[in-house]
Amino acid sequence: MNEMQRKFVSDKLGTLGNIAVGALIFGQFLSKESFLFSFINIGHPS
């Protein structure tokens, strides 16, 4: 990959990470379970 392609992929992976975190947070609000702060901290319910 050249420099331009690496920058593009890096930018898109960052965006994908932001979308994943947003989905985890908003998914908690849409679920029937209560909101768990540990879910945000470690990525899965304790």
C-alpha atoms as a PDB file:
ATOM      1  CA  MET A   1       0.000   0.000   0.000  1.00  0.00           C
ATOM      2  CA  ASN A   2       1.193   3.477  -0.667  1.00  0.00           C
ATOM      3  CA  GLU A   3       1.080   6.344   1.844  1.00  0.00           C
ATOM      4  CA  MET A   4      -2.251   7.688   0.582  1.00  0.00           C
ATOM      5  CA  GLN A   5      -3.931   4.278   0.873  1.00  0.00           C
ATOM      6  CA  ARG A   6      -2.586   3.780   4.410  1.00  0.00           C
ATOM      7  CA  LYS A   7      -3.990   7.161   5.483  1.00  0.00           C
ATOM      8  CA  PHE A   8      -7.354   6.299   3.923  1.00  0.00           C
ATOM      9  CA  VAL A   9      -7.548   2.902   5.648  1.00  0.00           C
ATOM     10  CA  SER A  10      -6.442   4.424   8.957  1.00  0.00           C
ATOM     11  CA  ASP A  11      -9.147   7.083   8.732  1.00  0.00           C
ATOM     12  CA  LYS A  12     -11.841   4.537   7.887  1.00  0.00           C
ATOM     13  CA  LEU A  13     -10.819   2.210  10.734  1.00  0.00           C
ATOM     14  CA  GLY A  14     -11.103   5.130  13.150  1.00  0.00           C
ATOM     15  CA  THR A  15     -14.560   5.907  11.813  1.00  0.00           C
ATOM     16  CA  LEU A  16     -15.567   2.258  12.109  1.00  0.00           C
ATOM     17  CA  GLY A  17     -14.420   2.232  15.740  1.00  0.00           C
ATOM     18  CA  ASN A  18     -16.516   5.310  16.500  1.00  0.00           C
ATOM     19  CA  ILE A  19     -19.573   3.705  14.915  1.00  0.00           C
ATOM     20  CA  ALA A  20     -19.043   0.518  16.930  1.00  0.00           C
ATOM     21  CA  VAL A  21     -18.801   2.427  20.219  1.00  0.00           C
ATOM     22  CA  GLY A  22     -21.894   4.436  19.338  1.00  0.00           C
ATOM     23  CA  ALA A  23     -23.801   1.257  18.542  1.00  0.00           C
ATOM     24  CA  LEU A  24     -22.815  -0.256  21.896  1.00  0.00           C
ATOM     25  CA  ILE A  25     -23.962   2.818  23.811  1.00  0.00           C
ATOM     26  CA  PHE A  26     -27.234   3.370  21.940  1.00  0.00           C
ATOM     27  CA  GLY A  27     -27.949  -0.366  21.956  1.00  0.00           C
ATOM     28  CA  GLN A  28     -28.010  -0.265  25.741  1.00  0.00           C
ATOM     29  CA  PHE A  29     -30.719   2.409  25.646  1.00  0.00           C
ATOM     30  CA  LEU A  30     -32.790   0.376  23.188  1.00  0.00           C
ATOM     31  CA  SER A  31     -32.522  -2.889  25.101  1.00  0.00           C
ATOM     32  CA  LYS A  32     -34.955  -3.960  27.795  1.00  0.00           C
ATOM     33  CA  GLU A  33     -32.176  -4.289  30.370  1.00  0.00           C
ATOM     34  CA  SER A  34     -31.079  -1.420  32.569  1.00  0.00           C
ATOM     35  CA  PHE A  35     -28.113   0.673  31.523  1.00  0.00           C
ATOM     36  CA  LEU A  36     -24.815  -0.807  32.699  1.00  0.00           C
ATOM     37  CA  PHE A  37     -21.793   1.475  32.944  1.00  0.00           C
ATOM     38  CA  SER A  38     -19.559  -1.596  33.033  1.00  0.00           C
ATOM     39  CA  PHE A  39     -20.793  -2.354  29.520  1.00  0.00           C
ATOM     40  CA  ILE A  40     -19.179   0.846  28.281  1.00  0.00           C
ATOM     41  CA  ASN A  41     -15.970   0.300  30.245  1.00  0.00           C
ATOM     42  CA  ILE A  42     -15.179  -3.249  29.114  1.00  0.00           C
ATOM     43  CA  GLY A  43     -17.427  -3.812  26.097  1.00  0.00           C
ATOM     44  CA  HIS A  44     -19.683  -6.501  27.532  1.00  0.00           C
ATOM     45  CA  PRO A  45     -22.005  -6.823  30.532  1.00  0.00           C
ATOM     46  CA  SER A  46     -20.536  -8.106  33.766  1.00  0.00           C
END
